[in-house]
């Protein structure tokens, strides 16, 4: 695996599953696991988890909990408008302000839709 894998999908993005048992499902990204190259998507890849009672006095009950499991980032695509799109990057010039009040121009990287070219 790469030393520092880059993932173009961020927390809060709406994605569509393009492969696997939940193909076609859409949901919001809850968490991004960069090192494993996986994302956890709301309502997708649901599993049942069996839990034990840890401290009975504290009110923790055991049982079967349904939760979302991670899905590989290659199996999801970003939703834009009514379809899906790939993600690209573009450098934009911005004006920044120094603590003394003077301004200067710099560039920042923005995510863009490969389909429309608009900023995401």
PDB file of N, CA and C in Angstrom:
ATOM      1  N   UNK A   1       0.840  -1.187   0.000  1.00  0.00           N
ATOM      2  CA  UNK A   1       0.000   0.000   0.000  1.00  0.00           C
ATOM      3  C   UNK A   1       0.880   1.242   0.000  1.00  0.00           C
ATOM      4  N   UNK A   2       0.385   2.307  -0.572  1.00  0.00           N
ATOM      5  CA  UNK A   2       1.142   3.548  -0.641  1.00  0.00           C
ATOM      6  C   UNK A   2       1.370   4.114   0.756  1.00  0.00           C
ATOM      7  N   UNK A   3       2.440   4.855   0.892  1.00  0.00           N
ATOM      8  CA  UNK A   3       2.785   5.400   2.191  1.00  0.00           C
ATOM      9  C   UNK A   3       1.764   6.441   2.641  1.00  0.00           C
ATOM     10  N   UNK A   4       1.329   7.286   1.730  1.00  0.00           N
ATOM     11  CA  UNK A   4       0.364   8.335   2.061  1.00  0.00           C
ATOM     12  C   UNK A   4      -0.739   8.353   1.003  1.00  0.00           C
ATOM     13  N   UNK A   5      -1.707   7.448   1.102  1.00  0.00           N
ATOM     14  CA  UNK A   5      -2.734   7.374   0.067  1.00  0.00           C
ATOM     15  C   UNK A   5      -3.626   8.615   0.064  1.00  0.00           C
ATOM     16  N   UNK A   6      -3.976   9.083  -1.140  1.00  0.00           N
ATOM     17  CA  UNK A   6      -4.855  10.242  -1.241  1.00  0.00           C
ATOM     18  C   UNK A   6      -6.244   9.766  -1.660  1.00  0.00           C
ATOM     19  N   UNK A   7      -7.233  10.290  -0.973  1.00  0.00           N
ATOM     20  CA  UNK A   7      -8.625   9.959  -1.261  1.00  0.00           C
ATOM     21  C   UNK A   7      -9.337  11.260  -1.594  1.00  0.00           C
ATOM     22  N   UNK A   8     -10.035  11.281  -2.728  1.00  0.00           N
ATOM     23  CA  UNK A   8     -10.685  12.507  -3.179  1.00  0.00           C
ATOM     24  C   UNK A   8     -12.068  12.710  -2.557  1.00  0.00           C
ATOM     25  N   UNK A   9     -12.573  11.727  -1.854  1.00  0.00           N
ATOM     26  CA  UNK A   9     -13.892  11.825  -1.236  1.00  0.00           C
ATOM     27  C   UNK A   9     -13.721  12.262   0.208  1.00  0.00           C
ATOM     28  N   UNK A  10     -14.563  13.201   0.640  1.00  0.00           N
ATOM     29  CA  UNK A  10     -14.454  13.755   1.985  1.00  0.00           C
ATOM     30  C   UNK A  10     -15.706  13.453   2.797  1.00  0.00           C
ATOM     31  N   UNK A  11     -15.590  13.620   4.096  1.00  0.00           N
ATOM     32  CA  UNK A  11     -16.719  13.459   5.006  1.00  0.00           C
ATOM     33  C   UNK A  11     -17.802  14.470   4.631  1.00  0.00           C
ATOM     34  N   UNK A  12     -19.052  14.013   4.569  1.00  0.00           N
ATOM     35  CA  UNK A  12     -20.166  14.895   4.224  1.00  0.00           C
ATOM     36  C   UNK A  12     -20.558  14.839   2.764  1.00  0.00           C
ATOM     37  N   UNK A  13     -19.710  14.276   1.892  1.00  0.00           N
ATOM     38  CA  UNK A  13     -20.042  14.132   0.476  1.00  0.00           C
ATOM     39  C   UNK A  13     -21.161  13.110   0.297  1.00  0.00           C
ATOM     40  N   UNK A  14     -22.008  13.314  -0.709  1.00  0.00           N
ATOM     41  CA  UNK A  14     -23.009  12.321  -1.076  1.00  0.00           C
ATOM     42  C   UNK A  14     -22.409  11.457  -2.167  1.00  0.00           C
ATOM     43  N   UNK A  15     -22.421  10.137  -1.935  1.00  0.00           N
ATOM     44  CA  UNK A  15     -21.817   9.213  -2.891  1.00  0.00           C
ATOM     45  C   UNK A  15     -22.822   8.145  -3.306  1.00  0.00           C
ATOM     46  N   UNK A  16     -22.539   7.512  -4.451  1.00  0.00           N
ATOM     47  CA  UNK A  16     -23.355   6.415  -4.957  1.00  0.00           C
ATOM     48  C   UNK A  16     -22.470   5.181  -5.052  1.00  0.00           C
ATOM     49  N   UNK A  17     -22.982   4.039  -4.594  1.00  0.00           N
ATOM     50  CA  UNK A  17     -22.233   2.787  -4.652  1.00  0.00           C
ATOM     51  C   UNK A  17     -22.321   2.254  -6.079  1.00  0.00           C
ATOM     52  N   UNK A  18     -21.156   1.952  -6.680  1.00  0.00           N
ATOM     53  CA  UNK A  18     -21.131   1.500  -8.072  1.00  0.00           C
ATOM     54  C   UNK A  18     -20.787   0.020  -8.198  1.00  0.00           C
ATOM     55  N   UNK A  19     -20.484  -0.647  -7.076  1.00  0.00           N
ATOM     56  CA  UNK A  19     -20.154  -2.070  -7.118  1.00  0.00           C
ATOM     57  C   UNK A  19     -20.462  -2.706  -5.766  1.00  0.00           C
ATOM     58  N   UNK A  20     -20.768  -4.001  -5.794  1.00  0.00           N
ATOM     59  CA  UNK A  20     -21.034  -4.731  -4.558  1.00  0.00           C
ATOM     60  C   UNK A  20     -22.501  -4.983  -4.329  1.00  0.00           C
ATOM     61  N   UNK A  21     -22.816  -5.517  -3.158  1.00  0.00           N
ATOM     62  CA  UNK A  21     -24.192  -5.913  -2.866  1.00  0.00           C
ATOM     63  C   UNK A  21     -25.154  -4.733  -2.739  1.00  0.00           C
ATOM     64  N   UNK A  22     -24.640  -3.545  -2.422  1.00  0.00           N
ATOM     65  CA  UNK A  22     -25.479  -2.357  -2.284  1.00  0.00           C
ATOM     66  C   UNK A  22     -25.391  -1.442  -3.508  1.00  0.00           C
ATOM     67  N   UNK A  23     -25.074  -2.006  -4.682  1.00  0.00           N
ATOM     68  CA  UNK A  23     -24.915  -1.228  -5.904  1.00  0.00           C
ATOM     69  C   UNK A  23     -26.165  -0.394  -6.172  1.00  0.00           C
ATOM     70  N   UNK A  24     -25.948   0.894  -6.470  1.00  0.00           N
ATOM     71  CA  UNK A  24     -27.054   1.800  -6.761  1.00  0.00           C
ATOM     72  C   UNK A  24     -27.502   2.619  -5.570  1.00  0.00           C
ATOM     73  N   UNK A  25     -27.097   2.228  -4.360  1.00  0.00           N
ATOM     74  CA  UNK A  25     -27.506   2.947  -3.151  1.00  0.00           C
ATOM     75  C   UNK A  25     -26.731   4.250  -3.028  1.00  0.00           C
ATOM     76  N   UNK A  26     -27.413   5.289  -2.518  1.00  0.00           N
ATOM     77  CA  UNK A  26     -26.778   6.573  -2.284  1.00  0.00           C
ATOM     78  C   UNK A  26     -26.799   6.877  -0.809  1.00  0.00           C
ATOM     79  N   UNK A  27     -25.801   7.600  -0.355  1.00  0.00           N
ATOM     80  CA  UNK A  27     -25.742   7.979   1.046  1.00  0.00           C
ATOM     81  C   UNK A  27     -24.660   9.000   1.298  1.00  0.00           C
ATOM     82  N   UNK A  28     -24.666   9.534   2.524  1.00  0.00           N
ATOM     83  CA  UNK A  28     -23.699  10.542   2.922  1.00  0.00           C
ATOM     84  C   UNK A  28     -22.508   9.860   3.585  1.00  0.00           C
ATOM     85  N   UNK A  29     -21.301  10.338   3.308  1.00  0.00           N
ATOM     86  CA  UNK A  29     -20.097   9.770   3.908  1.00  0.00           C
ATOM     87  C   UNK A  29     -20.037  10.208   5.372  1.00  0.00           C
ATOM     88  N   UNK A  30     -19.997   9.213   6.271  1.00  0.00           N
ATOM     89  CA  UNK A  30     -19.929   9.482   7.707  1.00  0.00           C
ATOM     90  C   UNK A  30     -18.481   9.654   8.145  1.00  0.00           C
ATOM     91  N   UNK A  31     -17.600   8.804   7.593  1.00  0.00           N
ATOM     92  CA  UNK A  31     -16.201   8.790   8.024  1.00  0.00           C
ATOM     93  C   UNK A  31     -15.319   8.299   6.892  1.00  0.00           C
ATOM     94  N   UNK A  32     -14.106   8.845   6.799  1.00  0.00           N
ATOM     95  CA  UNK A  32     -13.122   8.420   5.803  1.00  0.00           C
ATOM     96  C   UNK A  32     -11.949   7.782   6.536  1.00  0.00           C
ATOM     97  N   UNK A  33     -11.626   6.530   6.164  1.00  0.00           N
ATOM     98  CA  UNK A  33     -10.489   5.821   6.744  1.00  0.00           C
ATOM     99  C   UNK A  33      -9.373   5.849   5.706  1.00  0.00           C
ATOM    100  N   UNK A  34      -8.506   6.850   5.785  1.00  0.00           N
ATOM    101  CA  UNK A  34      -7.498   7.085   4.753  1.00  0.00           C
ATOM    102  C   UNK A  34      -6.502   5.961   4.601  1.00  0.00           C
ATOM    103  N   UNK A  35      -5.980   5.470   5.710  1.00  0.00           N
ATOM    104  CA  UNK A  35      -4.934   4.445   5.651  1.00  0.00           C
ATOM    105  C   UNK A  35      -5.452   3.147   5.024  1.00  0.00           C
ATOM    106  N   UNK A  36      -6.707   2.794   5.292  1.00  0.00           N
ATOM    107  CA  UNK A  36      -7.300   1.572   4.727  1.00  0.00           C
ATOM    108  C   UNK A  36      -7.940   1.813   3.368  1.00  0.00           C
ATOM    109  N   UNK A  37      -7.987   3.077   2.919  1.00  0.00           N
ATOM    110  CA  UNK A  37      -8.642   3.500   1.670  1.00  0.00           C
ATOM    111  C   UNK A  37     -10.101   3.059   1.644  1.00  0.00           C
ATOM    112  N   UNK A  38     -10.801   3.303   2.726  1.00  0.00           N
ATOM    113  CA  UNK A  38     -12.209   2.931   2.847  1.00  0.00           C
ATOM    114  C   UNK A  38     -13.018   4.110   3.375  1.00  0.00           C
ATOM    115  N   UNK A  39     -14.325   4.062   3.095  1.00  0.00           N
ATOM    116  CA  UNK A  39     -15.248   5.071   3.616  1.00  0.00           C
ATOM    117  C   UNK A  39     -16.429   4.370   4.256  1.00  0.00           C
ATOM    118  N   UNK A  40     -17.036   5.038   5.234  1.00  0.00           N
ATOM    119  CA  UNK A  40     -18.258   4.527   5.857  1.00  0.00           C
ATOM    120  C   UNK A  40     -19.393   5.417   5.358  1.00  0.00           C
ATOM    121  N   UNK A  41     -20.369   4.804   4.689  1.00  0.00           N
ATOM    122  CA  UNK A  41     -21.469   5.541   4.071  1.00  0.00           C
ATOM    123  C   UNK A  41     -22.761   5.222   4.822  1.00  0.00           C
ATOM    124  N   UNK A  42     -23.548   6.260   5.080  1.00  0.00           N
ATOM    125  CA  UNK A  42     -24.804   6.141   5.809  1.00  0.00           C
ATOM    126  C   UNK A  42     -25.788   5.220   5.079  1.00  0.00           C
ATOM    127  N   UNK A  43     -26.237   4.167   5.733  1.00  0.00           N
ATOM    128  CA  UNK A  43     -27.240   3.261   5.183  1.00  0.00           C
ATOM    129  C   UNK A  43     -26.719   2.257   4.181  1.00  0.00           C
ATOM    130  N   UNK A  44     -25.396   2.153   3.997  1.00  0.00           N
ATOM    131  CA  UNK A  44     -24.807   1.247   3.017  1.00  0.00           C
ATOM    132  C   UNK A  44     -23.906   0.251   3.736  1.00  0.00           C
ATOM    133  N   UNK A  45     -23.901  -1.010   3.268  1.00  0.00           N
ATOM    134  CA  UNK A  45     -23.061  -2.073   3.823  1.00  0.00           C
ATOM    135  C   UNK A  45     -23.363  -2.289   5.306  1.00  0.00           C
ATOM    136  N   UNK A  46     -24.660  -2.440   5.621  1.00  0.00           N
ATOM    137  CA  UNK A  46     -25.090  -2.619   7.015  1.00  0.00           C
ATOM    138  C   UNK A  46     -24.759  -4.027   7.486  1.00  0.00           C
ATOM    139  N   UNK A  47     -24.232  -4.124   8.702  1.00  0.00           N
ATOM    140  CA  UNK A  47     -23.915  -5.418   9.307  1.00  0.00           C
ATOM    141  C   UNK A  47     -24.534  -5.485  10.692  1.00  0.00           C
ATOM    142  N   UNK A  48     -24.706  -6.711  11.173  1.00  0.00           N
ATOM    143  CA  UNK A  48     -25.203  -6.908  12.535  1.00  0.00           C
ATOM    144  C   UNK A  48     -24.025  -7.257  13.416  1.00  0.00           C
ATOM    145  N   UNK A  49     -23.906  -6.554  14.535  1.00  0.00           N
ATOM    146  CA  UNK A  49     -22.784  -6.722  15.441  1.00  0.00           C
ATOM    147  C   UNK A  49     -23.319  -7.206  16.783  1.00  0.00           C
ATOM    148  N   UNK A  50     -22.774  -8.313  17.284  1.00  0.00           N
ATOM    149  CA  UNK A  50     -23.197  -8.873  18.563  1.00  0.00           C
ATOM    150  C   UNK A  50     -22.339  -8.275  19.673  1.00  0.00           C
ATOM    151  N   UNK A  51     -22.987  -7.654  20.658  1.00  0.00           N
ATOM    152  CA  UNK A  51     -22.244  -7.006  21.742  1.00  0.00           C
ATOM    153  C   UNK A  51     -22.594  -7.621  23.079  1.00  0.00           C
ATOM    154  N   UNK A  52     -21.612  -7.636  23.982  1.00  0.00           N
ATOM    155  CA  UNK A  52     -21.809  -8.144  25.332  1.00  0.00           C
ATOM    156  C   UNK A  52     -22.202  -7.016  26.258  1.00  0.00           C
ATOM    157  N   UNK A  53     -22.790  -7.369  27.400  1.00  0.00           N
ATOM    158  CA  UNK A  53     -23.068  -6.400  28.441  1.00  0.00           C
ATOM    159  C   UNK A  53     -21.742  -6.125  29.142  1.00  0.00           C
ATOM    160  N   UNK A  54     -21.317  -4.847  29.175  1.00  0.00           N
ATOM    161  CA  UNK A  54     -20.028  -4.502  29.764  1.00  0.00           C
ATOM    162  C   UNK A  54     -20.183  -4.223  31.256  1.00  0.00           C
ATOM    163  N   UNK A  55     -20.908  -3.196  31.628  1.00  0.00           N
ATOM    164  CA  UNK A  55     -21.179  -2.864  33.033  1.00  0.00           C
ATOM    165  C   UNK A  55     -22.690  -2.831  33.219  1.00  0.00           C
ATOM    166  N   UNK A  56     -23.209  -3.804  33.957  1.00  0.00           N
ATOM    167  CA  UNK A  56     -24.667  -3.869  34.109  1.00  0.00           C
ATOM    168  C   UNK A  56     -25.219  -2.671  34.852  1.00  0.00           C
ATOM    169  N   UNK A  57     -24.484  -2.178  35.843  1.00  0.00           N
ATOM    170  CA  UNK A  57     -24.964  -1.047  36.639  1.00  0.00           C
ATOM    171  C   UNK A  57     -25.034   0.244  35.844  1.00  0.00           C
ATOM    172  N   UNK A  58     -24.197   0.390  34.829  1.00  0.00           N
ATOM    173  CA  UNK A  58     -24.140   1.643  34.065  1.00  0.00           C
ATOM    174  C   UNK A  58     -25.246   1.733  33.013  1.00  0.00           C
ATOM    175  N   UNK A  59     -26.041   0.681  32.860  1.00  0.00           N
ATOM    176  CA  UNK A  59     -27.139   0.721  31.899  1.00  0.00           C
ATOM    177  C   UNK A  59     -26.742   0.287  30.508  1.00  0.00           C
ATOM    178  N   UNK A  60     -25.528  -0.250  30.329  1.00  0.00           N
ATOM    179  CA  UNK A  60     -25.106  -0.743  29.015  1.00  0.00           C
ATOM    180  C   UNK A  60     -25.747  -2.092  28.770  1.00  0.00           C
ATOM    181  N   UNK A  61     -26.553  -2.191  27.730  1.00  0.00           N
ATOM    182  CA  UNK A  61     -27.207  -3.459  27.423  1.00  0.00           C
ATOM    183  C   UNK A  61     -26.507  -4.120  26.255  1.00  0.00           C
ATOM    184  N   UNK A  62     -26.461  -5.417  26.295  1.00  0.00           N
ATOM    185  CA  UNK A  62     -25.889  -6.166  25.181  1.00  0.00           C
ATOM    186  C   UNK A  62     -26.961  -6.428  24.139  1.00  0.00           C
ATOM    187  N   UNK A  63     -26.593  -7.133  23.089  1.00  0.00           N
ATOM    188  CA  UNK A  63     -27.563  -7.462  22.061  1.00  0.00           C
ATOM    189  C   UNK A  63     -26.975  -7.336  20.682  1.00  0.00           C
ATOM    190  N   UNK A  64     -27.867  -7.277  19.708  1.00  0.00           N
ATOM    191  CA  UNK A  64     -27.449  -7.198  18.310  1.00  0.00           C
ATOM    192  C   UNK A  64     -27.673  -5.768  17.826  1.00  0.00           C
ATOM    193  N   UNK A  65     -26.592  -5.156  17.363  1.00  0.00           N
ATOM    194  CA  UNK A  65     -26.645  -3.777  16.875  1.00  0.00           C
ATOM    195  C   UNK A  65     -26.398  -3.787  15.369  1.00  0.00           C
ATOM    196  N   UNK A  66     -27.230  -3.059  14.622  1.00  0.00           N
ATOM    197  CA  UNK A  66     -27.016  -2.922  13.180  1.00  0.00           C
ATOM    198  C   UNK A  66     -26.245  -1.639  12.934  1.00  0.00           C
ATOM    199  N   UNK A  67     -25.111  -1.755  12.236  1.00  0.00           N
ATOM    200  CA  UNK A  67     -24.254  -0.603  11.985  1.00  0.00           C
ATOM    201  C   UNK A  67     -23.663  -0.674  10.577  1.00  0.00           C
ATOM    202  N   UNK A  68     -23.076   0.425  10.128  1.00  0.00           N
ATOM    203  CA  UNK A  68     -22.458   0.472   8.798  1.00  0.00           C
ATOM    204  C   UNK A  68     -21.012   0.003   8.881  1.00  0.00           C
ATOM    205  N   UNK A  69     -20.605  -0.805   7.915  1.00  0.00           N
ATOM    206  CA  UNK A  69     -19.223  -1.269   7.817  1.00  0.00           C
ATOM    207  C   UNK A  69     -18.521  -0.472   6.715  1.00  0.00           C
ATOM    208  N   UNK A  70     -17.189  -0.394   6.758  1.00  0.00           N
ATOM    209  CA  UNK A  70     -16.462   0.351   5.717  1.00  0.00           C
ATOM    210  C   UNK A  70     -16.602  -0.303   4.340  1.00  0.00           C
ATOM    211  N   UNK A  71     -16.568   0.529   3.308  1.00  0.00           N
ATOM    212  CA  UNK A  71     -16.617   0.067   1.922  1.00  0.00           C
ATOM    213  C   UNK A  71     -15.426   0.703   1.201  1.00  0.00           C
ATOM    214  N   UNK A  72     -14.820  -0.026   0.266  1.00  0.00           N
ATOM    215  CA  UNK A  72     -13.627   0.491  -0.400  1.00  0.00           C
ATOM    216  C   UNK A  72     -13.962   1.711  -1.243  1.00  0.00           C
ATOM    217  N   UNK A  73     -13.063   2.674  -1.252  1.00  0.00           N
ATOM    218  CA  UNK A  73     -13.302   3.948  -1.920  1.00  0.00           C
ATOM    219  C   UNK A  73     -13.471   3.780  -3.435  1.00  0.00           C
ATOM    220  N   UNK A  74     -12.915   2.707  -4.015  1.00  0.00           N
ATOM    221  CA  UNK A  74     -13.063   2.485  -5.455  1.00  0.00           C
ATOM    222  C   UNK A  74     -14.474   2.036  -5.825  1.00  0.00           C
ATOM    223  N   UNK A  75     -15.273   1.656  -4.844  1.00  0.00           N
ATOM    224  CA  UNK A  75     -16.630   1.188  -5.105  1.00  0.00           C
ATOM    225  C   UNK A  75     -17.679   2.290  -4.958  1.00  0.00           C
ATOM    226  N   UNK A  76     -17.246   3.534  -4.764  1.00  0.00           N
ATOM    227  CA  UNK A  76     -18.183   4.655  -4.653  1.00  0.00           C
ATOM    228  C   UNK A  76     -17.762   5.780  -5.593  1.00  0.00           C
ATOM    229  N   UNK A  77     -18.763   6.558  -6.046  1.00  0.00           N
ATOM    230  CA  UNK A  77     -18.508   7.745  -6.871  1.00  0.00           C
ATOM    231  C   UNK A  77     -19.301   8.911  -6.306  1.00  0.00           C
ATOM    232  N   UNK A  78     -18.754  10.104  -6.455  1.00  0.00           N
ATOM    233  CA  UNK A  78     -19.390  11.314  -5.953  1.00  0.00           C
ATOM    234  C   UNK A  78     -20.635  11.645  -6.770  1.00  0.00           C
ATOM    235  N   UNK A  79     -21.723  12.010  -6.087  1.00  0.00           N
ATOM    236  CA  UNK A  79     -22.967  12.390  -6.748  1.00  0.00           C
ATOM    237  C   UNK A  79     -22.967  13.901  -6.954  1.00  0.00           C
ATOM    238  N   UNK A  80     -23.269  14.306  -8.201  1.00  0.00           N
ATOM    239  CA  UNK A  80     -23.387  15.730  -8.510  1.00  0.00           C
ATOM    240  C   UNK A  80     -24.635  15.914  -9.366  1.00  0.00           C
ATOM    241  N   UNK A  81     -25.560  16.707  -8.868  1.00  0.00           N
ATOM    242  CA  UNK A  81     -26.817  16.896  -9.602  1.00  0.00           C
ATOM    243  C   UNK A  81     -27.606  15.605  -9.610  1.00  0.00           C
ATOM    244  N   UNK A  82     -27.926  15.098 -10.825  1.00  0.00           N
ATOM    245  CA  UNK A  82     -28.707  13.866 -10.920  1.00  0.00           C
ATOM    246  C   UNK A  82     -27.851  12.663 -11.306  1.00  0.00           C
ATOM    247  N   UNK A  83     -26.531  12.846 -11.446  1.00  0.00           N
ATOM    248  CA  UNK A  83     -25.659  11.736 -11.838  1.00  0.00           C
ATOM    249  C   UNK A  83     -24.388  11.705 -11.008  1.00  0.00           C
ATOM    250  N   UNK A  84     -23.475  10.844 -11.415  1.00  0.00           N
ATOM    251  CA  UNK A  84     -22.196  10.726 -10.703  1.00  0.00           C
ATOM    252  C   UNK A  84     -21.090  11.356 -11.539  1.00  0.00           C
ATOM    253  N   UNK A  85     -20.007  11.723 -10.882  1.00  0.00           N
ATOM    254  CA  UNK A  85     -18.899  12.366 -11.567  1.00  0.00           C
ATOM    255  C   UNK A  85     -17.575  11.967 -10.940  1.00  0.00           C
ATOM    256  N   UNK A  86     -16.515  12.077 -11.743  1.00  0.00           N
ATOM    257  CA  UNK A  86     -15.171  11.916 -11.206  1.00  0.00           C
ATOM    258  C   UNK A  86     -14.735  13.263 -10.632  1.00  0.00           C
ATOM    259  N   UNK A  87     -13.662  13.236  -9.862  1.00  0.00           N
ATOM    260  CA  UNK A  87     -13.202  14.436  -9.184  1.00  0.00           C
ATOM    261  C   UNK A  87     -11.848  14.850  -9.741  1.00  0.00           C
ATOM    262  N   UNK A  88     -11.708  16.144 -10.032  1.00  0.00           N
ATOM    263  CA  UNK A  88     -10.435  16.693 -10.470  1.00  0.00           C
ATOM    264  C   UNK A  88     -10.053  17.849  -9.566  1.00  0.00           C
ATOM    265  N   UNK A  89      -8.900  18.424  -9.817  1.00  0.00           N
ATOM    266  CA  UNK A  89      -8.433  19.551  -9.016  1.00  0.00           C
ATOM    267  C   UNK A  89      -7.982  20.673  -9.932  1.00  0.00           C
ATOM    268  N   UNK A  90      -8.162  21.912  -9.460  1.00  0.00           N
ATOM    269  CA  UNK A  90      -7.732  23.083 -10.209  1.00  0.00           C
ATOM    270  C   UNK A  90      -7.138  24.075  -9.206  1.00  0.00           C
ATOM    271  N   UNK A  91      -6.097  24.774  -9.636  1.00  0.00           N
ATOM    272  CA  UNK A  91      -5.481  25.792  -8.783  1.00  0.00           C
ATOM    273  C   UNK A  91      -6.149  27.130  -9.082  1.00  0.00           C
ATOM    274  N   UNK A  92      -6.595  27.819  -8.021  1.00  0.00           N
ATOM    275  CA  UNK A  92      -7.232  29.132  -8.173  1.00  0.00           C
ATOM    276  C   UNK A  92      -6.423  30.184  -7.446  1.00  0.00           C
ATOM    277  N   UNK A  93      -6.356  31.374  -8.040  1.00  0.00           N
ATOM    278  CA  UNK A  93      -5.661  32.469  -7.385  1.00  0.00           C
ATOM    279  C   UNK A  93      -6.587  33.110  -6.362  1.00  0.00           C
ATOM    280  N   UNK A  94      -6.048  33.359  -5.176  1.00  0.00           N
ATOM    281  CA  UNK A  94      -6.809  34.003  -4.106  1.00  0.00           C
ATOM    282  C   UNK A  94      -5.960  35.124  -3.517  1.00  0.00           C
ATOM    283  N   UNK A  95      -6.638  36.093  -2.927  1.00  0.00           N
ATOM    284  CA  UNK A  95      -5.948  37.190  -2.257  1.00  0.00           C
ATOM    285  C   UNK A  95      -5.939  36.904  -0.767  1.00  0.00           C
ATOM    286  N   UNK A  96      -4.744  36.900  -0.178  1.00  0.00           N
ATOM    287  CA  UNK A  96      -4.610  36.643   1.255  1.00  0.00           C
ATOM    288  C   UNK A  96      -4.136  37.915   1.954  1.00  0.00           C
ATOM    289  N   UNK A  97      -4.395  37.966   3.258  1.00  0.00           N
ATOM    290  CA  UNK A  97      -4.043  39.139   4.041  1.00  0.00           C
ATOM    291  C   UNK A  97      -3.038  38.754   5.122  1.00  0.00           C
ATOM    292  N   UNK A  98      -1.977  39.542   5.226  1.00  0.00           N
ATOM    293  CA  UNK A  98      -0.967  39.319   6.257  1.00  0.00           C
ATOM    294  C   UNK A  98      -1.427  39.945   7.570  1.00  0.00           C
ATOM    295  N   UNK A  99      -0.826  39.543   8.688  1.00  0.00           N
ATOM    296  CA  UNK A  99      -1.215  40.137   9.980  1.00  0.00           C
ATOM    297  C   UNK A  99      -1.053  41.656  10.047  1.00  0.00           C
ATOM    298  N   UNK A 100      -0.105  42.217   9.260  1.00  0.00           N
ATOM    299  CA  UNK A 100       0.085  43.677   9.287  1.00  0.00           C
ATOM    300  C   UNK A 100      -0.912  44.419   8.395  1.00  0.00           C
ATOM    301  N   UNK A 101      -1.787  43.690   7.695  1.00  0.00           N
ATOM    302  CA  UNK A 101      -2.830  44.324   6.885  1.00  0.00           C
ATOM    303  C   UNK A 101      -2.546  44.331   5.401  1.00  0.00           C
ATOM    304  N   UNK A 102      -1.315  44.081   4.977  1.00  0.00           N
ATOM    305  CA  UNK A 102      -1.007  44.068   3.550  1.00  0.00           C
ATOM    306  C   UNK A 102      -1.548  42.786   2.909  1.00  0.00           C
ATOM    307  N   UNK A 103      -1.808  42.836   1.616  1.00  0.00           N
ATOM    308  CA  UNK A 103      -2.370  41.684   0.911  1.00  0.00           C
ATOM    309  C   UNK A 103      -1.389  41.160  -0.130  1.00  0.00           C
ATOM    310  N   UNK A 104      -1.568  39.882  -0.482  1.00  0.00           N
ATOM    311  CA  UNK A 104      -0.762  39.250  -1.519  1.00  0.00           C
ATOM    312  C   UNK A 104      -1.588  38.174  -2.188  1.00  0.00           C
ATOM    313  N   UNK A 105      -1.200  37.783  -3.411  1.00  0.00           N
ATOM    314  CA  UNK A 105      -1.941  36.743  -4.125  1.00  0.00           C
ATOM    315  C   UNK A 105      -1.236  35.407  -3.955  1.00  0.00           C
ATOM    316  N   UNK A 106      -2.042  34.380  -3.819  1.00  0.00           N
ATOM    317  CA  UNK A 106      -1.533  33.021  -3.658  1.00  0.00           C
ATOM    318  C   UNK A 106      -2.483  32.094  -4.402  1.00  0.00           C
ATOM    319  N   UNK A 107      -2.178  30.804  -4.432  1.00  0.00           N
ATOM    320  CA  UNK A 107      -3.081  29.852  -5.083  1.00  0.00           C
ATOM    321  C   UNK A 107      -3.555  28.823  -4.076  1.00  0.00           C
ATOM    322  N   UNK A 108      -4.746  28.317  -4.308  1.00  0.00           N
ATOM    323  CA  UNK A 108      -5.268  27.230  -3.492  1.00  0.00           C
ATOM    324  C   UNK A 108      -5.885  26.196  -4.407  1.00  0.00           C
ATOM    325  N   UNK A 109      -5.907  24.959  -3.957  1.00  0.00           N
ATOM    326  CA  UNK A 109      -6.426  23.853  -4.745  1.00  0.00           C
ATOM    327  C   UNK A 109      -7.911  23.672  -4.446  1.00  0.00           C
ATOM    328  N   UNK A 110      -8.736  23.555  -5.480  1.00  0.00           N
ATOM    329  CA  UNK A 110     -10.171  23.331  -5.298  1.00  0.00           C
ATOM    330  C   UNK A 110     -10.586  22.068  -6.041  1.00  0.00           C
ATOM    331  N   UNK A 111     -11.543  21.349  -5.483  1.00  0.00           N
ATOM    332  CA  UNK A 111     -12.066  20.155  -6.152  1.00  0.00           C
ATOM    333  C   UNK A 111     -13.074  20.580  -7.210  1.00  0.00           C
ATOM    334  N   UNK A 112     -13.001  19.953  -8.382  1.00  0.00           N
ATOM    335  CA  UNK A 112     -13.935  20.264  -9.453  1.00  0.00           C
ATOM    336  C   UNK A 112     -14.562  18.979  -9.978  1.00  0.00           C
ATOM    337  N   UNK A 113     -15.712  19.123 -10.597  1.00  0.00           N
ATOM    338  CA  UNK A 113     -16.384  18.006 -11.246  1.00  0.00           C
ATOM    339  C   UNK A 113     -15.775  17.817 -12.620  1.00  0.00           C
ATOM    340  N   UNK A 114     -15.392  16.591 -12.959  1.00  0.00           N
ATOM    341  CA  UNK A 114     -14.835  16.309 -14.279  1.00  0.00           C
ATOM    342  C   UNK A 114     -15.908  16.406 -15.353  1.00  0.00           C
ATOM    343  N   UNK A 115     -17.164  16.222 -14.973  1.00  0.00           N
ATOM    344  CA  UNK A 115     -18.258  16.250 -15.943  1.00  0.00           C
ATOM    345  C   UNK A 115     -18.627  17.667 -16.351  1.00  0.00           C
ATOM    346  N   UNK A 116     -18.754  18.566 -15.359  1.00  0.00           N
ATOM    347  CA  UNK A 116     -19.206  19.911 -15.643  1.00  0.00           C
ATOM    348  C   UNK A 116     -18.107  20.968 -15.517  1.00  0.00           C
ATOM    349  N   UNK A 117     -17.046  20.664 -14.797  1.00  0.00           N
ATOM    350  CA  UNK A 117     -15.976  21.629 -14.587  1.00  0.00           C
ATOM    351  C   UNK A 117     -16.251  22.604 -13.461  1.00  0.00           C
ATOM    352  N   UNK A 118     -17.393  22.452 -12.778  1.00  0.00           N
ATOM    353  CA  UNK A 118     -17.758  23.358 -11.682  1.00  0.00           C
ATOM    354  C   UNK A 118     -17.073  22.925 -10.384  1.00  0.00           C
ATOM    355  N   UNK A 119     -16.901  23.901  -9.486  1.00  0.00           N
ATOM    356  CA  UNK A 119     -16.301  23.619  -8.176  1.00  0.00           C
ATOM    357  C   UNK A 119     -17.292  22.838  -7.320  1.00  0.00           C
ATOM    358  N   UNK A 120     -16.750  21.858  -6.588  1.00  0.00           N
ATOM    359  CA  UNK A 120     -17.597  21.037  -5.712  1.00  0.00           C
ATOM    360  C   UNK A 120     -17.581  21.643  -4.319  1.00  0.00           C
TER     361      UNK A 120
END
